[in-house]
Amino acid sequence: MYDDKVIEAFLEHQLDLYPETVAESPEEAEDFLEDTMAAVADTRREVMEYLDEVGVDTEGLSEEEIFAMPEIIEVGDGRYLLLEV
């Protein structure tokens, strides 16, 4: 479900979100992402739609502030990995 780029981005940025490493290998990372039902958005617009759907209050936040949230990880190819804490 999660490709190598998404898994690599998660492994690289997991400590931005969690106080300790939750996955040490790509296999552990994929299991963790599946267990937490992490989502992947193809565009910034999809990110905003997802946040609205799950009830995240973004009112008063700039787009820059929203995309700086640690729960939103830029994959590097235009996509975003979305995590819930």
N, C-alpha and C. Protein backbone atom coordinates (compact mmCIF):
# COMPACT_ATOMS: atom_id res chain seq x y z
N MET A 1 0.82 -1.20 0.00
CA MET A 1 0.00 0.00 0.00
C MET A 1 0.87 1.27 0.00
N TYR A 2 1.96 1.23 0.73
CA TYR A 2 2.87 2.38 0.79
C TYR A 2 4.11 2.05 -0.02
N ASP A 3 4.47 2.93 -0.94
CA ASP A 3 5.63 2.66 -1.77
C ASP A 3 6.91 3.07 -1.05
N ASP A 4 8.05 2.78 -1.68
CA ASP A 4 9.35 3.02 -1.07
C ASP A 4 9.57 4.48 -0.70
N LYS A 5 9.14 5.41 -1.54
CA LYS A 5 9.33 6.84 -1.26
C LYS A 5 8.58 7.26 0.00
N VAL A 6 7.35 6.77 0.16
CA VAL A 6 6.53 7.11 1.33
C VAL A 6 7.18 6.53 2.59
N ILE A 7 7.61 5.28 2.52
CA ILE A 7 8.23 4.63 3.67
C ILE A 7 9.53 5.33 4.04
N GLU A 8 10.32 5.69 3.05
CA GLU A 8 11.58 6.40 3.29
C GLU A 8 11.32 7.75 3.96
N ALA A 9 10.32 8.49 3.50
CA ALA A 9 9.98 9.78 4.09
C ALA A 9 9.56 9.60 5.55
N PHE A 10 8.77 8.56 5.82
CA PHE A 10 8.35 8.32 7.20
C PHE A 10 9.54 8.00 8.09
N LEU A 11 10.41 7.11 7.64
CA LEU A 11 11.57 6.74 8.44
C LEU A 11 12.45 7.97 8.73
N GLU A 12 12.58 8.84 7.75
CA GLU A 12 13.41 10.03 7.90
C GLU A 12 12.81 11.05 8.86
N HIS A 13 11.47 11.13 8.93
CA HIS A 13 10.81 12.19 9.69
C HIS A 13 10.06 11.72 10.93
N GLN A 14 10.11 10.45 11.26
CA GLN A 14 9.32 9.94 12.38
C GLN A 14 9.63 10.63 13.70
N LEU A 15 10.87 11.02 13.92
CA LEU A 15 11.22 11.67 15.18
C LEU A 15 10.75 13.12 15.25
N ASP A 16 10.27 13.66 14.14
CA ASP A 16 9.65 14.98 14.17
C ASP A 16 8.28 14.90 14.85
N LEU A 17 7.72 13.71 14.88
CA LEU A 17 6.36 13.52 15.36
C LEU A 17 6.29 12.70 16.65
N TYR A 18 7.15 11.72 16.77
CA TYR A 18 7.12 10.82 17.91
C TYR A 18 8.38 11.01 18.75
N PRO A 19 8.28 10.82 20.08
CA PRO A 19 9.44 11.05 20.94
C PRO A 19 10.55 10.02 20.79
N GLU A 20 10.22 8.88 20.21
CA GLU A 20 11.24 7.86 19.98
C GLU A 20 10.95 7.14 18.67
N THR A 21 11.92 6.43 18.18
CA THR A 21 11.77 5.70 16.92
C THR A 21 10.68 4.65 17.06
N VAL A 22 9.74 4.65 16.11
CA VAL A 22 8.66 3.65 16.12
C VAL A 22 8.89 2.57 15.08
N ALA A 23 9.82 2.81 14.16
CA ALA A 23 10.15 1.83 13.12
C ALA A 23 11.62 1.99 12.75
N GLU A 24 12.31 0.86 12.67
CA GLU A 24 13.72 0.90 12.33
C GLU A 24 14.01 0.37 10.93
N SER A 25 13.06 -0.31 10.34
CA SER A 25 13.26 -0.88 9.01
C SER A 25 12.08 -0.50 8.12
N PRO A 26 12.24 -0.62 6.83
CA PRO A 26 11.11 -0.35 5.94
C PRO A 26 9.90 -1.25 6.24
N GLU A 27 10.15 -2.49 6.60
CA GLU A 27 9.05 -3.40 6.92
C GLU A 27 8.29 -2.93 8.16
N GLU A 28 9.03 -2.54 9.19
CA GLU A 28 8.40 -2.02 10.41
C GLU A 28 7.63 -0.73 10.12
N ALA A 29 8.21 0.11 9.28
CA ALA A 29 7.55 1.37 8.92
C ALA A 29 6.24 1.10 8.19
N GLU A 30 6.26 0.17 7.25
CA GLU A 30 5.03 -0.14 6.52
C GLU A 30 3.97 -0.71 7.45
N ASP A 31 4.37 -1.60 8.36
CA ASP A 31 3.42 -2.15 9.34
C ASP A 31 2.83 -1.04 10.20
N PHE A 32 3.69 -0.13 10.65
CA PHE A 32 3.23 0.98 11.49
C PHE A 32 2.23 1.85 10.73
N LEU A 33 2.56 2.19 9.49
CA LEU A 33 1.68 3.04 8.69
C LEU A 33 0.34 2.35 8.45
N GLU A 34 0.37 1.05 8.20
CA GLU A 34 -0.88 0.30 8.01
C GLU A 34 -1.69 0.27 9.30
N ASP A 35 -1.01 0.01 10.42
CA ASP A 35 -1.70 -0.06 11.72
C ASP A 35 -2.36 1.26 12.09
N THR A 36 -1.72 2.36 11.73
CA THR A 36 -2.24 3.68 12.08
C THR A 36 -3.13 4.27 10.99
N MET A 37 -3.31 3.52 9.91
CA MET A 37 -4.14 3.94 8.79
C MET A 37 -3.72 5.30 8.24
N ALA A 38 -2.41 5.47 8.10
CA ALA A 38 -1.88 6.70 7.52
C ALA A 38 -2.38 6.83 6.08
N ALA A 39 -2.57 8.06 5.66
CA ALA A 39 -3.08 8.32 4.31
C ALA A 39 -1.99 8.99 3.47
N VAL A 40 -2.11 8.84 2.17
CA VAL A 40 -1.21 9.52 1.25
C VAL A 40 -2.06 10.39 0.34
N ALA A 41 -1.70 11.67 0.27
CA ALA A 41 -2.41 12.61 -0.60
C ALA A 41 -1.51 12.97 -1.77
N ASP A 42 -2.11 13.04 -2.93
CA ASP A 42 -1.34 13.34 -4.15
C ASP A 42 -1.08 14.83 -4.36
N THR A 43 -1.89 15.67 -3.72
CA THR A 43 -1.76 17.11 -3.92
C THR A 43 -2.00 17.85 -2.60
N ARG A 44 -1.62 19.11 -2.58
CA ARG A 44 -1.88 19.95 -1.40
C ARG A 44 -3.39 20.09 -1.18
N ARG A 45 -4.13 20.15 -2.27
CA ARG A 45 -5.59 20.26 -2.15
C ARG A 45 -6.16 19.02 -1.47
N GLU A 46 -5.66 17.85 -1.83
CA GLU A 46 -6.12 16.61 -1.17
C GLU A 46 -5.79 16.62 0.31
N VAL A 47 -4.65 17.19 0.68
CA VAL A 47 -4.30 17.31 2.09
C VAL A 47 -5.36 18.14 2.80
N MET A 48 -5.70 19.28 2.23
CA MET A 48 -6.69 20.17 2.85
C MET A 48 -8.05 19.47 2.97
N GLU A 49 -8.44 18.74 1.94
CA GLU A 49 -9.70 18.00 1.97
C GLU A 49 -9.67 16.93 3.06
N TYR A 50 -8.56 16.23 3.17
CA TYR A 50 -8.42 15.19 4.19
C TYR A 50 -8.54 15.80 5.59
N LEU A 51 -7.83 16.90 5.82
CA LEU A 51 -7.88 17.55 7.14
C LEU A 51 -9.30 17.96 7.48
N ASP A 52 -10.03 18.46 6.50
CA ASP A 52 -11.42 18.85 6.71
C ASP A 52 -12.28 17.62 7.04
N GLU A 53 -12.08 16.53 6.30
CA GLU A 53 -12.85 15.31 6.51
C GLU A 53 -12.65 14.72 7.89
N VAL A 54 -11.42 14.76 8.40
CA VAL A 54 -11.15 14.16 9.71
C VAL A 54 -11.36 15.15 10.86
N GLY A 55 -11.76 16.37 10.52
CA GLY A 55 -12.13 17.33 11.56
C GLY A 55 -11.00 18.12 12.18
N VAL A 56 -9.89 18.26 11.47
CA VAL A 56 -8.79 19.07 11.99
C VAL A 56 -9.13 20.54 11.79
N ASP A 57 -9.08 21.30 12.87
CA ASP A 57 -9.41 22.73 12.81
C ASP A 57 -8.20 23.50 12.28
N THR A 58 -8.31 23.97 11.06
CA THR A 58 -7.22 24.74 10.45
C THR A 58 -7.58 26.22 10.34
N GLU A 59 -8.71 26.60 10.90
CA GLU A 59 -9.13 28.00 10.81
C GLU A 59 -8.10 28.90 11.47
N GLY A 60 -7.74 29.95 10.79
CA GLY A 60 -6.77 30.91 11.30
C GLY A 60 -5.33 30.54 11.01
N LEU A 61 -5.11 29.36 10.45
CA LEU A 61 -3.75 28.95 10.10
C LEU A 61 -3.48 29.24 8.63
N SER A 62 -2.28 29.68 8.35
CA SER A 62 -1.90 29.88 6.96
C SER A 62 -1.57 28.52 6.35
N GLU A 63 -1.55 28.46 5.03
CA GLU A 63 -1.19 27.22 4.36
C GLU A 63 0.22 26.80 4.77
N GLU A 64 1.10 27.75 4.92
CA GLU A 64 2.47 27.46 5.35
C GLU A 64 2.48 26.79 6.73
N GLU A 65 1.67 27.31 7.66
CA GLU A 65 1.59 26.73 9.00
C GLU A 65 1.00 25.32 8.96
N ILE A 66 0.00 25.13 8.12
CA ILE A 66 -0.63 23.80 8.01
C ILE A 66 0.38 22.79 7.50
N PHE A 67 1.12 23.13 6.45
CA PHE A 67 2.05 22.19 5.86
C PHE A 67 3.34 22.04 6.66
N ALA A 68 3.49 22.85 7.71
CA ALA A 68 4.62 22.70 8.63
C ALA A 68 4.27 21.77 9.80
N MET A 69 3.00 21.35 9.89
CA MET A 69 2.58 20.45 10.96
C MET A 69 3.34 19.13 10.82
N PRO A 70 3.84 18.58 11.93
CA PRO A 70 4.63 17.35 11.84
C PRO A 70 3.82 16.14 11.36
N GLU A 71 2.50 16.21 11.44
CA GLU A 71 1.65 15.12 10.98
C GLU A 71 1.57 15.04 9.46
N ILE A 72 2.07 16.07 8.79
CA ILE A 72 2.07 16.13 7.33
C ILE A 72 3.52 16.05 6.86
N ILE A 73 3.86 14.93 6.24
CA ILE A 73 5.23 14.70 5.79
C ILE A 73 5.27 14.78 4.27
N GLU A 74 6.09 15.69 3.78
CA GLU A 74 6.26 15.80 2.33
C GLU A 74 7.11 14.63 1.85
N VAL A 75 6.58 13.89 0.91
CA VAL A 75 7.27 12.69 0.40
C VAL A 75 8.43 13.09 -0.50
N GLY A 76 8.30 14.19 -1.21
CA GLY A 76 9.37 14.65 -2.07
C GLY A 76 9.06 14.56 -3.55
N ASP A 77 7.93 13.99 -3.88
CA ASP A 77 7.53 13.87 -5.29
C ASP A 77 6.18 14.54 -5.53
N GLY A 78 5.83 15.48 -4.64
CA GLY A 78 4.55 16.16 -4.75
C GLY A 78 3.47 15.57 -3.88
N ARG A 79 3.73 14.40 -3.30
CA ARG A 79 2.75 13.76 -2.43
C ARG A 79 3.05 14.04 -0.97
N TYR A 80 2.06 13.74 -0.13
CA TYR A 80 2.17 13.97 1.30
C TYR A 80 1.68 12.75 2.05
N LEU A 81 2.40 12.39 3.11
CA LEU A 81 2.00 11.34 4.02
C LEU A 81 1.31 12.01 5.20
N LEU A 82 0.11 11.54 5.54
CA LEU A 82 -0.70 12.16 6.58
C LEU A 82 -0.87 11.17 7.73
N LEU A 83 -0.44 11.60 8.90
CA LEU A 83 -0.46 10.75 10.08
C LEU A 83 -1.37 11.35 11.14
N GLU A 84 -1.93 10.47 11.94
CA GLU A 84 -2.71 10.92 13.10
C GLU A 84 -1.92 10.56 14.33
N VAL A 85 -1.93 11.43 15.32
CA VAL A 85 -1.21 11.17 16.55
C VAL A 85 -2.19 10.77 17.64
